[in-house]
Amino acid sequence: MTGYKLINLKLMVEEVGEDTAKAVLSTFSCPLNGDVESFLRLKAIDFAKQGLSQTHLVIAPYKQQPVLVGYFTLANKYITVSAKNMSNTQRKRLAKFSIFNNALRAYCLSAPLIAQLGKNYANGYDVLISGDELLYLACRKISAVQLDLGGRFAYLECEDKPRLIEFYTRNGFCAFDTRRLDGDETGIDGSYLVQMLKYIQS
């Protein structure tokens, strides 16, 4: 995989200013997921400034010009993973990087959350990167962070749709539980999200 450049949105704002950064973000379009589009356009900068999450823009060359082809957002998350839903291999891996809570019969650990992930469909830029490549870049960023901080797992939540479950499973994630939606979570099909975990190779 070559040709992609990652830009930290917070650093971009500090370097070129918020207005210029917002102009770049306004070129992002994701008709398949309105939440992915609105988050980048309306919330990503504020979340970055507050330290709630950090967004990384993925840039690729197109007709000798750099264009925004996608993005992902990472955040810190503390999770509990039920032991009953994990294989023996998964339990052994989790045991090395978590604390087992006997009362809950669950592993408790901190793991980076892939909070947002989306391709830019404006001007056909979505063909410049695949979903697998975008997710790989997010996991590679997590691996780089864990080189300094420790840990070996990445975490995400998604709607219970076969195409989404298949996509993340194909890329090494496994479902371990579900989470009921909070009151302020709107625009999501169903009443819960599927929780998925991936062991990140060093």
Protein backbone atom coordinates (compact mmCIF):
# COMPACT_ATOMS: atom_id res chain seq x y z
CA MET A 1 0.00 0.00 0.00
CA THR A 2 1.64 3.21 -1.15
CA GLY A 3 0.68 6.78 -1.91
CA TYR A 4 -1.49 7.54 1.11
CA LYS A 5 -0.65 10.31 3.55
CA LEU A 6 -2.20 10.75 6.99
CA ILE A 7 -2.86 14.22 8.39
CA ASN A 8 -3.83 14.75 12.01
CA LEU A 9 -6.78 17.15 11.93
CA LYS A 10 -5.82 18.93 15.16
CA LEU A 11 -2.32 19.65 13.85
CA MET A 12 -3.80 20.78 10.54
CA VAL A 13 -6.02 23.31 12.31
CA GLU A 14 -3.03 24.61 14.27
CA GLU A 15 -0.99 24.98 11.08
CA VAL A 16 -3.45 26.41 8.53
CA GLY A 17 -6.30 27.69 10.70
CA GLU A 18 -9.82 26.47 11.40
CA ASP A 19 -11.46 28.13 8.39
CA THR A 20 -9.09 26.48 5.92
CA ALA A 21 -9.48 23.13 7.65
CA LYS A 22 -13.28 23.42 7.53
CA ALA A 23 -13.07 24.18 3.81
CA VAL A 24 -11.18 20.93 3.28
CA LEU A 25 -13.67 18.97 5.39
CA SER A 26 -16.58 20.45 3.43
CA THR A 27 -15.38 18.52 0.37
CA PHE A 28 -16.18 15.22 2.12
CA SER A 29 -19.35 13.38 1.14
CA CYS A 30 -20.57 9.99 2.33
CA PRO A 31 -24.14 9.29 1.16
CA LEU A 32 -23.94 5.74 2.57
CA ASN A 33 -23.66 7.03 6.13
CA GLY A 34 -24.91 10.47 7.10
CA ASP A 35 -23.37 10.25 10.58
CA VAL A 36 -19.89 9.71 9.13
CA GLU A 37 -20.30 12.81 6.97
CA SER A 38 -21.84 15.08 9.61
CA PHE A 39 -19.27 14.11 12.24
CA LEU A 40 -16.36 15.14 10.05
CA ARG A 41 -17.97 18.37 8.91
CA LEU A 42 -19.55 19.49 12.17
CA LYS A 43 -17.90 17.78 15.16
CA ALA A 44 -14.41 16.49 14.37
CA ILE A 45 -12.57 19.78 14.97
CA ASP A 46 -14.31 20.47 18.30
CA PHE A 47 -13.76 16.89 19.48
CA ALA A 48 -10.07 17.17 18.58
CA LYS A 49 -9.66 20.50 20.41
CA GLN A 50 -11.39 19.08 23.50
CA GLY A 51 -9.27 15.92 23.41
CA LEU A 52 -12.31 13.64 23.11
CA SER A 53 -11.00 12.00 19.94
CA GLN A 54 -8.49 12.60 17.17
CA THR A 55 -9.34 12.47 13.49
CA HIS A 56 -6.88 11.50 10.79
CA LEU A 57 -7.47 12.54 7.18
CA VAL A 58 -6.31 10.20 4.44
CA ILE A 59 -4.89 12.00 1.42
CA ALA A 60 -4.09 10.44 -1.96
CA PRO A 61 -2.72 11.87 -5.22
CA TYR A 62 -5.24 12.38 -8.01
CA LYS A 63 -4.32 14.07 -11.29
CA GLN A 64 -1.16 15.37 -9.63
CA GLN A 65 -3.17 16.96 -6.80
CA PRO A 66 -3.66 15.76 -3.20
CA VAL A 67 -7.31 14.94 -2.45
CA LEU A 68 -9.19 13.80 0.64
CA VAL A 69 -10.19 10.17 0.08
CA GLY A 70 -11.26 9.16 3.58
CA TYR A 71 -10.76 9.53 7.29
CA PHE A 72 -10.85 7.70 10.58
CA THR A 73 -11.30 8.88 14.15
CA LEU A 74 -9.69 7.28 17.21
CA ALA A 75 -10.57 7.67 20.89
CA ASN A 76 -9.69 6.07 24.20
CA LYS A 77 -12.21 3.53 25.48
CA TYR A 78 -12.49 1.38 28.60
CA ILE A 79 -14.40 -1.81 27.86
CA THR A 80 -15.49 -5.06 29.45
CA VAL A 81 -15.36 -8.23 27.39
CA SER A 82 -17.44 -11.20 28.55
CA ALA A 83 -15.38 -14.37 28.93
CA LYS A 84 -18.25 -16.57 27.79
CA ASN A 85 -18.16 -15.18 24.27
CA MET A 86 -14.43 -15.63 23.66
CA SER A 87 -12.42 -18.62 22.43
CA ASN A 88 -9.59 -20.05 24.54
CA THR A 89 -7.02 -18.33 22.30
CA GLN A 90 -8.80 -15.00 22.62
CA ARG A 91 -9.03 -15.39 26.39
CA LYS A 92 -5.30 -16.04 26.68
CA ARG A 93 -4.54 -12.94 24.62
CA LEU A 94 -6.96 -10.80 26.61
CA ALA A 95 -5.57 -12.03 29.92
CA LYS A 96 -2.17 -10.51 29.08
CA PHE A 97 -3.55 -7.00 28.56
CA SER A 98 -6.53 -6.80 30.90
CA ILE A 99 -7.81 -7.37 34.42
CA PHE A 100 -10.31 -10.16 34.94
CA ASN A 101 -13.35 -9.15 36.99
CA ASN A 102 -14.69 -12.26 38.74
CA ALA A 103 -18.01 -10.63 39.63
CA LEU A 104 -18.68 -9.68 36.02
CA ARG A 105 -16.94 -12.74 34.57
CA ALA A 106 -15.39 -10.32 32.11
CA TYR A 107 -12.04 -8.89 31.07
CA CYS A 108 -11.62 -5.16 31.67
CA LEU A 109 -9.21 -3.25 29.49
CA SER A 110 -8.45 0.01 27.77
CA ALA A 111 -8.45 -0.15 23.97
CA PRO A 112 -8.39 2.44 21.19
CA LEU A 113 -11.84 2.87 19.68
CA ILE A 114 -12.20 3.32 15.94
CA ALA A 115 -15.06 5.75 16.40
CA GLN A 116 -15.53 6.80 12.77
CA LEU A 117 -14.38 5.36 9.46
CA GLY A 118 -15.48 6.59 6.06
CA LYS A 119 -14.56 7.10 2.41
CA ASN A 120 -15.10 10.31 0.46
CA TYR A 121 -17.58 9.74 -2.38
CA ALA A 122 -17.32 13.28 -3.74
CA ASN A 123 -16.00 13.40 -7.32
CA GLY A 124 -15.60 9.62 -7.32
CA TYR A 125 -12.67 9.77 -4.88
CA ASP A 126 -13.99 6.63 -3.14
CA VAL A 127 -12.38 4.48 -5.85
CA LEU A 128 -8.94 5.74 -4.80
CA ILE A 129 -9.02 3.70 -1.59
CA SER A 130 -10.80 0.54 -0.52
CA GLY A 131 -12.55 0.06 2.81
CA ASP A 132 -10.00 -2.64 3.66
CA GLU A 133 -7.14 -0.20 3.04
CA LEU A 134 -8.78 2.52 5.12
CA LEU A 135 -9.32 0.14 8.04
CA TYR A 136 -5.74 -1.12 7.68
CA LEU A 137 -4.45 2.45 8.01
CA ALA A 138 -6.51 2.94 11.18
CA CYS A 139 -5.17 -0.29 12.68
CA ARG A 140 -1.63 0.61 11.69
CA LYS A 141 -1.99 3.96 13.47
CA ILE A 142 -3.24 2.14 16.57
CA SER A 143 -0.26 -0.22 16.39
CA ALA A 144 2.10 2.77 16.28
CA VAL A 145 0.42 4.34 19.32
CA GLN A 146 0.57 1.06 21.23
CA LEU A 147 4.28 0.83 20.55
CA ASP A 148 4.63 3.75 22.98
CA LEU A 149 1.70 3.12 25.33
CA GLY A 150 1.27 -0.65 25.33
CA GLY A 151 -1.78 -2.74 24.56
CA ARG A 152 -2.64 -4.99 21.65
CA PHE A 153 -6.34 -4.58 20.90
CA ALA A 154 -8.50 -2.30 18.76
CA TYR A 155 -12.20 -1.85 19.41
CA LEU A 156 -15.20 -0.70 17.38
CA GLU A 157 -18.97 -0.71 17.33
CA CYS A 158 -21.17 -1.11 14.27
CA GLU A 159 -24.77 -1.64 13.25
CA ASP A 160 -25.93 -5.24 13.07
CA LYS A 161 -25.88 -5.45 9.29
CA PRO A 162 -24.47 -8.52 7.49
CA ARG A 163 -22.29 -6.49 5.11
CA LEU A 164 -20.71 -4.56 8.00
CA ILE A 165 -20.16 -7.65 10.17
CA GLU A 166 -18.62 -9.47 7.20
CA PHE A 167 -16.36 -6.50 6.40
CA TYR A 168 -14.95 -6.22 9.91
CA THR A 169 -14.72 -9.99 10.39
CA ARG A 170 -12.78 -10.28 7.13
CA ASN A 171 -10.36 -7.74 8.54
CA GLY A 172 -9.68 -9.63 11.76
CA PHE A 173 -12.35 -8.28 14.14
CA CYS A 174 -14.58 -10.59 16.13
CA ALA A 175 -17.93 -9.77 17.71
CA PHE A 176 -18.04 -10.26 21.47
CA ASP A 177 -21.20 -8.50 22.66
CA THR A 178 -23.81 -5.83 21.93
CA ARG A 179 -24.49 -2.42 23.48
CA ARG A 180 -27.86 -0.73 23.70
CA LEU A 181 -27.99 2.72 22.14
CA ASP A 182 -27.74 5.81 24.33
CA GLY A 183 -30.57 8.32 24.16
CA ASP A 184 -28.56 10.79 22.10
CA GLU A 185 -27.52 8.23 19.46
CA THR A 186 -29.79 8.78 16.48
CA GLY A 187 -29.85 7.80 12.82
CA ILE A 188 -28.89 4.20 13.61
CA ASP A 189 -30.92 1.21 12.51
CA GLY A 190 -32.02 -0.97 15.41
CA SER A 191 -31.72 -0.50 19.17
CA TYR A 192 -28.16 -1.73 19.70
CA LEU A 193 -24.66 -1.85 18.25
CA VAL A 194 -22.42 -4.88 17.80
CA GLN A 195 -19.15 -4.62 19.74
CA MET A 196 -16.06 -6.00 17.98
CA LEU A 197 -12.44 -6.50 18.98
CA LYS A 198 -9.22 -7.17 17.08
CA TYR A 199 -5.82 -8.35 18.28
CA ILE A 200 -3.23 -6.04 16.75
CA GLN A 201 0.00 -7.72 15.73
CA SER A 202 3.12 -5.78 16.66
